[in-house]
Amino acid sequence: MEKNRPKVGLGVFVFKDNKFLIQKRINSHGHNTWCLPGGHLEFFETFEECAKRETLEEAGVICDNINVLGVTNDFHTKENKHYITIFVKSNYISGEVKIMEPDKCLEWKWVTFDDLPENLFLPFKNFLKQKKNQKLFDYN
């Protein structure tokens, strides 16, 4: 009998003009919460490949200059799901932000850390808690 194992997710900070992209999730665990673009890491896929693929698939955006920021261990107890989530930062290259997966995303918006909504997706919330009081990004 196969044991349950955590899945691997990846969240992407896509920066443009000192703001980053977030989406409102629907129809999945974390329904009605805000998260970064991202998704599941595929078999034999690099973090960079995953970040580029997911941002293009979800938001129609091309990003580059991808660097790992950290990792969270996330227990979605209500949904009986367990994820290891890898967070990366990237730079916006091109593309017009649009809802590419209307069954999964209600809205996209560019934000700063000062204007984040309160209802954040658990991995995103855990990452921000973990990095509290640390300078994550240099906007120079």
N, C-alpha and C. Protein backbone atom coordinates (compact mmCIF):
# COMPACT_ATOMS: atom_id res chain seq x y z
N MET A 1 0.84 -1.18 0.00
CA MET A 1 0.00 0.00 0.00
C MET A 1 0.88 1.26 0.00
N GLU A 2 0.60 2.18 -0.91
CA GLU A 2 1.40 3.40 -1.02
C GLU A 2 1.05 4.39 0.09
N LYS A 3 2.07 4.97 0.68
CA LYS A 3 1.87 5.97 1.73
C LYS A 3 1.58 7.33 1.10
N ASN A 4 0.82 8.13 1.84
CA ASN A 4 0.64 9.52 1.41
C ASN A 4 1.96 10.25 1.55
N ARG A 5 2.28 11.07 0.60
CA ARG A 5 3.50 11.86 0.62
C ARG A 5 3.16 13.31 0.28
N PRO A 6 3.97 14.24 0.78
CA PRO A 6 3.72 15.64 0.41
C PRO A 6 3.94 15.86 -1.08
N LYS A 7 3.20 16.82 -1.61
CA LYS A 7 3.40 17.26 -2.99
C LYS A 7 4.32 18.48 -2.95
N VAL A 8 4.92 18.78 -4.10
CA VAL A 8 5.81 19.93 -4.17
C VAL A 8 5.16 21.02 -5.02
N GLY A 9 5.00 22.18 -4.39
CA GLY A 9 4.47 23.35 -5.08
C GLY A 9 5.55 24.40 -5.22
N LEU A 10 5.31 25.36 -6.11
CA LEU A 10 6.25 26.44 -6.32
C LEU A 10 5.48 27.74 -6.47
N GLY A 11 5.87 28.77 -5.70
CA GLY A 11 5.27 30.09 -5.78
C GLY A 11 6.28 31.06 -6.34
N VAL A 12 5.82 31.94 -7.25
CA VAL A 12 6.72 32.82 -7.99
C VAL A 12 6.41 34.30 -7.72
N PHE A 13 7.35 35.00 -7.11
CA PHE A 13 7.27 36.45 -7.03
C PHE A 13 7.71 36.97 -8.39
N VAL A 14 6.79 37.56 -9.15
CA VAL A 14 7.12 38.17 -10.44
C VAL A 14 7.13 39.68 -10.21
N PHE A 15 8.32 40.29 -10.28
CA PHE A 15 8.46 41.72 -10.00
C PHE A 15 8.43 42.57 -11.26
N LYS A 16 7.67 43.66 -11.16
CA LYS A 16 7.60 44.67 -12.22
C LYS A 16 7.36 46.02 -11.54
N ASP A 17 8.24 46.97 -11.76
CA ASP A 17 8.08 48.32 -11.18
C ASP A 17 7.84 48.29 -9.67
N ASN A 18 8.64 47.52 -8.95
CA ASN A 18 8.59 47.42 -7.49
C ASN A 18 7.28 46.84 -6.95
N LYS A 19 6.52 46.16 -7.82
CA LYS A 19 5.30 45.46 -7.40
C LYS A 19 5.43 44.01 -7.84
N PHE A 20 4.62 43.14 -7.24
CA PHE A 20 4.60 41.74 -7.67
C PHE A 20 3.17 41.29 -7.87
N LEU A 21 3.02 40.21 -8.60
CA LEU A 21 1.73 39.72 -9.06
C LEU A 21 1.13 38.72 -8.08
N ILE A 22 -0.17 38.88 -7.77
CA ILE A 22 -0.89 37.90 -6.97
C ILE A 22 -2.22 37.59 -7.64
N GLN A 23 -2.77 36.42 -7.31
CA GLN A 23 -4.05 36.00 -7.86
C GLN A 23 -4.98 35.54 -6.75
N LYS A 24 -6.28 35.67 -7.01
CA LYS A 24 -7.29 35.17 -6.09
C LYS A 24 -7.69 33.77 -6.55
N ARG A 25 -7.47 32.78 -5.68
CA ARG A 25 -7.73 31.37 -5.99
C ARG A 25 -9.22 31.05 -5.89
N ILE A 26 -9.67 30.14 -6.75
CA ILE A 26 -11.04 29.61 -6.64
C ILE A 26 -11.02 28.11 -6.96
N ASN A 27 -12.04 27.42 -6.47
CA ASN A 27 -12.29 26.01 -6.80
C ASN A 27 -11.16 25.05 -6.45
N SER A 28 -10.43 25.31 -5.39
CA SER A 28 -9.36 24.42 -4.95
C SER A 28 -9.10 24.67 -3.49
N HIS A 29 -8.16 23.90 -2.89
CA HIS A 29 -7.78 24.22 -1.52
C HIS A 29 -7.26 25.65 -1.51
N GLY A 30 -7.59 26.37 -0.47
CA GLY A 30 -7.25 27.79 -0.43
C GLY A 30 -8.23 28.65 -1.21
N HIS A 31 -9.43 28.13 -1.44
CA HIS A 31 -10.46 28.88 -2.18
C HIS A 31 -10.63 30.27 -1.56
N ASN A 32 -10.69 31.28 -2.41
CA ASN A 32 -10.95 32.66 -2.01
C ASN A 32 -9.78 33.31 -1.26
N THR A 33 -8.57 32.77 -1.42
CA THR A 33 -7.38 33.39 -0.84
C THR A 33 -6.47 33.89 -1.96
N TRP A 34 -5.54 34.75 -1.60
CA TRP A 34 -4.60 35.34 -2.55
C TRP A 34 -3.26 34.61 -2.49
N CYS A 35 -2.69 34.36 -3.66
CA CYS A 35 -1.40 33.67 -3.72
C CYS A 35 -0.58 34.21 -4.88
N LEU A 36 0.64 33.76 -4.94
CA LEU A 36 1.52 34.07 -6.07
C LEU A 36 1.19 33.15 -7.23
N PRO A 37 1.58 33.51 -8.45
CA PRO A 37 1.47 32.52 -9.52
C PRO A 37 2.35 31.32 -9.18
N GLY A 38 1.97 30.17 -9.65
CA GLY A 38 2.77 28.97 -9.37
C GLY A 38 1.93 27.73 -9.50
N GLY A 39 2.50 26.61 -9.07
CA GLY A 39 1.79 25.34 -9.17
C GLY A 39 2.70 24.19 -8.81
N HIS A 40 2.35 23.03 -9.31
CA HIS A 40 3.09 21.81 -9.00
C HIS A 40 4.39 21.71 -9.80
N LEU A 41 5.43 21.30 -9.13
CA LEU A 41 6.69 20.97 -9.79
C LEU A 41 6.50 19.63 -10.50
N GLU A 42 6.81 19.60 -11.78
CA GLU A 42 6.66 18.36 -12.57
C GLU A 42 7.92 17.50 -12.44
N PHE A 43 7.78 16.22 -12.76
CA PHE A 43 8.88 15.27 -12.70
C PHE A 43 10.00 15.71 -13.64
N PHE A 44 11.24 15.76 -13.15
CA PHE A 44 12.43 16.17 -13.89
C PHE A 44 12.36 17.62 -14.38
N GLU A 45 11.64 18.48 -13.68
CA GLU A 45 11.54 19.88 -14.04
C GLU A 45 12.37 20.71 -13.06
N THR A 46 13.14 21.67 -13.57
CA THR A 46 13.89 22.56 -12.69
C THR A 46 12.95 23.61 -12.10
N PHE A 47 13.39 24.26 -11.03
CA PHE A 47 12.58 25.32 -10.43
C PHE A 47 12.36 26.44 -11.44
N GLU A 48 13.40 26.76 -12.21
CA GLU A 48 13.30 27.81 -13.22
C GLU A 48 12.29 27.44 -14.30
N GLU A 49 12.34 26.21 -14.78
CA GLU A 49 11.39 25.76 -15.81
C GLU A 49 9.96 25.82 -15.27
N CYS A 50 9.78 25.38 -14.03
CA CYS A 50 8.45 25.38 -13.42
C CYS A 50 7.93 26.81 -13.29
N ALA A 51 8.76 27.72 -12.80
CA ALA A 51 8.35 29.12 -12.63
C ALA A 51 7.93 29.73 -13.96
N LYS A 52 8.73 29.52 -14.98
CA LYS A 52 8.41 30.08 -16.31
C LYS A 52 7.13 29.46 -16.87
N ARG A 53 6.99 28.15 -16.76
CA ARG A 53 5.82 27.46 -17.30
C ARG A 53 4.55 27.93 -16.58
N GLU A 54 4.59 27.93 -15.25
CA GLU A 54 3.38 28.27 -14.48
C GLU A 54 2.94 29.72 -14.68
N THR A 55 3.88 30.66 -14.71
CA THR A 55 3.48 32.06 -14.89
C THR A 55 2.89 32.28 -16.28
N LEU A 56 3.42 31.59 -17.27
CA LEU A 56 2.88 31.71 -18.62
C LEU A 56 1.50 31.04 -18.71
N GLU A 57 1.37 29.83 -18.16
CA GLU A 57 0.09 29.11 -18.20
C GLU A 57 -1.01 29.83 -17.43
N GLU A 58 -0.67 30.41 -16.29
CA GLU A 58 -1.70 31.00 -15.43
C GLU A 58 -2.01 32.45 -15.76
N ALA A 59 -0.97 33.23 -16.09
CA ALA A 59 -1.16 34.67 -16.22
C ALA A 59 -0.78 35.24 -17.59
N GLY A 60 -0.24 34.43 -18.49
CA GLY A 60 0.18 34.93 -19.79
C GLY A 60 1.43 35.80 -19.72
N VAL A 61 2.23 35.59 -18.67
CA VAL A 61 3.40 36.44 -18.41
C VAL A 61 4.69 35.63 -18.55
N ILE A 62 5.70 36.26 -19.13
CA ILE A 62 7.02 35.65 -19.25
C ILE A 62 7.92 36.29 -18.19
N CYS A 63 8.61 35.45 -17.44
CA CYS A 63 9.52 35.94 -16.40
C CYS A 63 10.90 35.31 -16.60
N ASP A 64 11.89 35.90 -15.94
CA ASP A 64 13.27 35.41 -16.05
C ASP A 64 14.04 35.83 -14.81
N ASN A 65 15.32 35.47 -14.75
CA ASN A 65 16.19 35.80 -13.62
C ASN A 65 15.60 35.21 -12.33
N ILE A 66 15.43 33.92 -12.32
CA ILE A 66 14.74 33.22 -11.23
C ILE A 66 15.73 32.74 -10.18
N ASN A 67 15.43 33.07 -8.91
CA ASN A 67 16.29 32.70 -7.78
C ASN A 67 15.44 32.19 -6.63
N VAL A 68 15.91 31.15 -5.95
CA VAL A 68 15.19 30.57 -4.82
C VAL A 68 15.31 31.49 -3.60
N LEU A 69 14.17 31.70 -2.93
CA LEU A 69 14.10 32.53 -1.72
C LEU A 69 13.95 31.72 -0.45
N GLY A 70 13.21 30.61 -0.54
CA GLY A 70 12.97 29.82 0.66
C GLY A 70 11.97 28.72 0.41
N VAL A 71 11.68 27.98 1.48
CA VAL A 71 10.81 26.80 1.40
C VAL A 71 9.91 26.79 2.63
N THR A 72 8.66 26.36 2.44
CA THR A 72 7.76 26.17 3.58
C THR A 72 7.23 24.74 3.58
N ASN A 73 6.78 24.31 4.74
CA ASN A 73 6.20 22.98 4.94
C ASN A 73 4.76 23.23 5.37
N ASP A 74 3.80 22.99 4.47
CA ASP A 74 2.43 23.47 4.65
C ASP A 74 1.42 22.33 4.81
N PHE A 75 0.68 22.40 5.93
CA PHE A 75 -0.34 21.40 6.24
C PHE A 75 -1.72 22.00 6.02
N HIS A 76 -2.39 21.55 4.99
CA HIS A 76 -3.77 21.97 4.70
C HIS A 76 -4.68 20.92 5.35
N THR A 77 -4.84 21.01 6.66
CA THR A 77 -5.52 19.95 7.41
C THR A 77 -6.97 19.77 6.99
N LYS A 78 -7.67 20.86 6.75
CA LYS A 78 -9.08 20.78 6.36
C LYS A 78 -9.26 19.96 5.07
N GLU A 79 -8.31 20.12 4.14
CA GLU A 79 -8.39 19.42 2.84
C GLU A 79 -7.57 18.13 2.82
N ASN A 80 -6.92 17.80 3.96
CA ASN A 80 -6.07 16.62 4.07
C ASN A 80 -4.97 16.62 2.99
N LYS A 81 -4.30 17.79 2.85
CA LYS A 81 -3.21 17.92 1.89
C LYS A 81 -1.96 18.43 2.60
N HIS A 82 -0.82 18.01 2.10
CA HIS A 82 0.48 18.40 2.65
C HIS A 82 1.38 18.79 1.48
N TYR A 83 1.90 20.01 1.54
CA TYR A 83 2.77 20.52 0.47
C TYR A 83 4.09 21.02 1.02
N ILE A 84 5.14 20.80 0.27
CA ILE A 84 6.40 21.50 0.43
C ILE A 84 6.35 22.57 -0.67
N THR A 85 6.48 23.83 -0.27
CA THR A 85 6.36 24.91 -1.25
C THR A 85 7.68 25.67 -1.36
N ILE A 86 8.18 25.76 -2.57
CA ILE A 86 9.42 26.46 -2.88
C ILE A 86 9.05 27.84 -3.41
N PHE A 87 9.64 28.87 -2.84
CA PHE A 87 9.38 30.24 -3.28
C PHE A 87 10.58 30.78 -4.04
N VAL A 88 10.29 31.38 -5.19
CA VAL A 88 11.33 31.97 -6.02
C VAL A 88 10.94 33.41 -6.36
N LYS A 89 11.94 34.20 -6.70
CA LYS A 89 11.66 35.54 -7.22
C LYS A 89 12.10 35.58 -8.67
N SER A 90 11.47 36.45 -9.43
CA SER A 90 11.79 36.58 -10.85
C SER A 90 11.49 38.01 -11.30
N ASN A 91 11.93 38.32 -12.48
CA ASN A 91 11.64 39.61 -13.10
C ASN A 91 10.64 39.42 -14.22
N TYR A 92 9.68 40.32 -14.30
CA TYR A 92 8.73 40.36 -15.41
C TYR A 92 9.51 40.70 -16.68
N ILE A 93 9.25 39.96 -17.75
CA ILE A 93 9.89 40.23 -19.05
C ILE A 93 8.88 40.78 -20.04
N SER A 94 7.75 40.07 -20.20
CA SER A 94 6.75 40.53 -21.16
C SER A 94 5.43 39.80 -20.94
N GLY A 95 4.43 40.24 -21.67
CA GLY A 95 3.11 39.63 -21.61
C GLY A 95 2.11 40.51 -20.90
N GLU A 96 0.87 40.42 -21.33
CA GLU A 96 -0.22 41.15 -20.70
C GLU A 96 -0.89 40.21 -19.70
N VAL A 97 -0.96 40.62 -18.45
CA VAL A 97 -1.56 39.77 -17.42
C VAL A 97 -3.03 39.56 -17.73
N LYS A 98 -3.41 38.28 -17.80
CA LYS A 98 -4.82 37.94 -18.02
C LYS A 98 -5.14 36.62 -17.35
N ILE A 99 -6.39 36.39 -17.11
CA ILE A 99 -6.83 35.14 -16.48
C ILE A 99 -6.82 34.05 -17.55
N MET A 100 -5.84 33.16 -17.45
CA MET A 100 -5.69 32.08 -18.43
C MET A 100 -6.43 30.82 -17.98
N GLU A 101 -6.68 30.70 -16.68
CA GLU A 101 -7.37 29.54 -16.11
C GLU A 101 -8.56 30.03 -15.28
N PRO A 102 -9.66 30.38 -15.95
CA PRO A 102 -10.81 30.97 -15.24
C PRO A 102 -11.48 30.03 -14.23
N ASP A 103 -11.18 28.74 -14.32
CA ASP A 103 -11.72 27.80 -13.34
C ASP A 103 -10.88 27.76 -12.06
N LYS A 104 -9.69 28.42 -12.07
CA LYS A 104 -8.79 28.42 -10.92
C LYS A 104 -8.48 29.81 -10.38
N CYS A 105 -8.70 30.83 -11.19
CA CYS A 105 -8.30 32.20 -10.82
C CYS A 105 -9.45 33.16 -11.06
N LEU A 106 -9.76 33.96 -10.04
CA LEU A 106 -10.83 34.95 -10.15
C LEU A 106 -10.29 36.31 -10.59
N GLU A 107 -9.06 36.63 -10.15
CA GLU A 107 -8.54 37.98 -10.39
C GLU A 107 -7.02 38.00 -10.22
N TRP A 108 -6.37 38.89 -10.96
CA TRP A 108 -4.93 39.17 -10.83
C TRP A 108 -4.76 40.62 -10.42
N LYS A 109 -3.72 40.90 -9.62
CA LYS A 109 -3.37 42.29 -9.37
C LYS A 109 -1.91 42.41 -8.97
N TRP A 110 -1.35 43.60 -9.25
CA TRP A 110 0.01 43.94 -8.86
C TRP A 110 -0.06 44.63 -7.51
N VAL A 111 0.79 44.20 -6.57
CA VAL A 111 0.76 44.73 -5.21
C VAL A 111 2.18 44.97 -4.69
N THR A 112 2.25 45.66 -3.56
CA THR A 112 3.49 45.77 -2.79
C THR A 112 3.24 45.03 -1.49
N PHE A 113 4.27 44.88 -0.68
CA PHE A 113 4.09 44.23 0.62
C PHE A 113 3.18 45.06 1.52
N ASP A 114 3.11 46.36 1.29
CA ASP A 114 2.29 47.23 2.11
C ASP A 114 0.80 47.15 1.80
N ASP A 115 0.44 46.69 0.62
CA ASP A 115 -0.99 46.63 0.28
C ASP A 115 -1.48 45.20 0.00
N LEU A 116 -0.86 44.23 0.66
CA LEU A 116 -1.33 42.83 0.53
C LEU A 116 -2.69 42.68 1.19
N PRO A 117 -3.60 41.91 0.58
CA PRO A 117 -4.86 41.61 1.26
C PRO A 117 -4.61 40.70 2.46
N GLU A 118 -5.59 40.61 3.34
CA GLU A 118 -5.43 39.80 4.56
C GLU A 118 -5.59 38.31 4.30
N ASN A 119 -6.47 37.93 3.42
CA ASN A 119 -6.77 36.51 3.20
C ASN A 119 -5.78 35.87 2.23
N LEU A 120 -4.60 35.52 2.77
CA LEU A 120 -3.54 34.94 1.96
C LEU A 120 -3.57 33.42 2.01
N PHE A 121 -3.17 32.79 0.92
CA PHE A 121 -3.04 31.34 0.82
C PHE A 121 -2.03 30.87 1.86
N LEU A 122 -2.30 29.75 2.50
CA LEU A 122 -1.48 29.25 3.61
C LEU A 122 0.02 29.24 3.32
N PRO A 123 0.50 28.68 2.21
CA PRO A 123 1.96 28.69 1.98
C PRO A 123 2.53 30.11 1.90
N PHE A 124 1.81 31.01 1.27
CA PHE A 124 2.25 32.40 1.14
C PHE A 124 2.31 33.06 2.52
N LYS A 125 1.28 32.82 3.32
CA LYS A 125 1.24 33.35 4.69
C LYS A 125 2.39 32.78 5.51
N ASN A 126 2.64 31.47 5.39
CA ASN A 126 3.74 30.83 6.13
C ASN A 126 5.09 31.38 5.71
N PHE A 127 5.26 31.63 4.40
CA PHE A 127 6.52 32.18 3.91
C PHE A 127 6.76 33.58 4.48
N LEU A 128 5.75 34.42 4.46
CA LEU A 128 5.90 35.78 4.97
C LEU A 128 6.17 35.78 6.47
N LYS A 129 5.54 34.87 7.20
CA LYS A 129 5.78 34.74 8.64
C LYS A 129 7.22 34.31 8.90
N GLN A 130 7.69 33.36 8.10
CA GLN A 130 9.05 32.83 8.23
C GLN A 130 10.09 33.92 7.95
N LYS A 131 9.81 34.79 7.01
CA LYS A 131 10.76 35.82 6.58
C LYS A 131 10.53 37.17 7.26
N LYS A 132 9.63 37.21 8.23
CA LYS A 132 9.32 38.46 8.92
C LYS A 132 10.60 39.12 9.42
N ASN A 133 10.67 40.42 9.25
CA ASN A 133 11.81 41.23 9.68
C ASN A 133 13.08 40.98 8.88
N GLN A 134 12.98 40.23 7.79
CA GLN A 134 14.15 40.05 6.92
C GLN A 134 13.93 40.85 5.65
N LYS A 135 14.97 41.47 5.16
CA LYS A 135 14.85 42.19 3.90
C LYS A 135 14.89 41.15 2.77
N LEU A 136 13.75 40.93 2.14
CA LEU A 136 13.67 39.91 1.10
C LEU A 136 14.16 40.39 -0.25
N PHE A 137 13.87 41.64 -0.56
CA PHE A 137 14.11 42.09 -1.92
C PHE A 137 14.80 43.44 -1.92
N ASP A 138 15.69 43.60 -2.87
CA ASP A 138 16.36 44.88 -3.08
C ASP A 138 15.81 45.47 -4.37
N TYR A 139 15.15 46.60 -4.26
CA TYR A 139 14.51 47.20 -5.44
C TYR A 139 15.43 48.10 -6.23
N ASN A 140 16.69 48.22 -5.85
CA ASN A 140 17.60 49.13 -6.56
C ASN A 140 17.95 48.60 -7.93
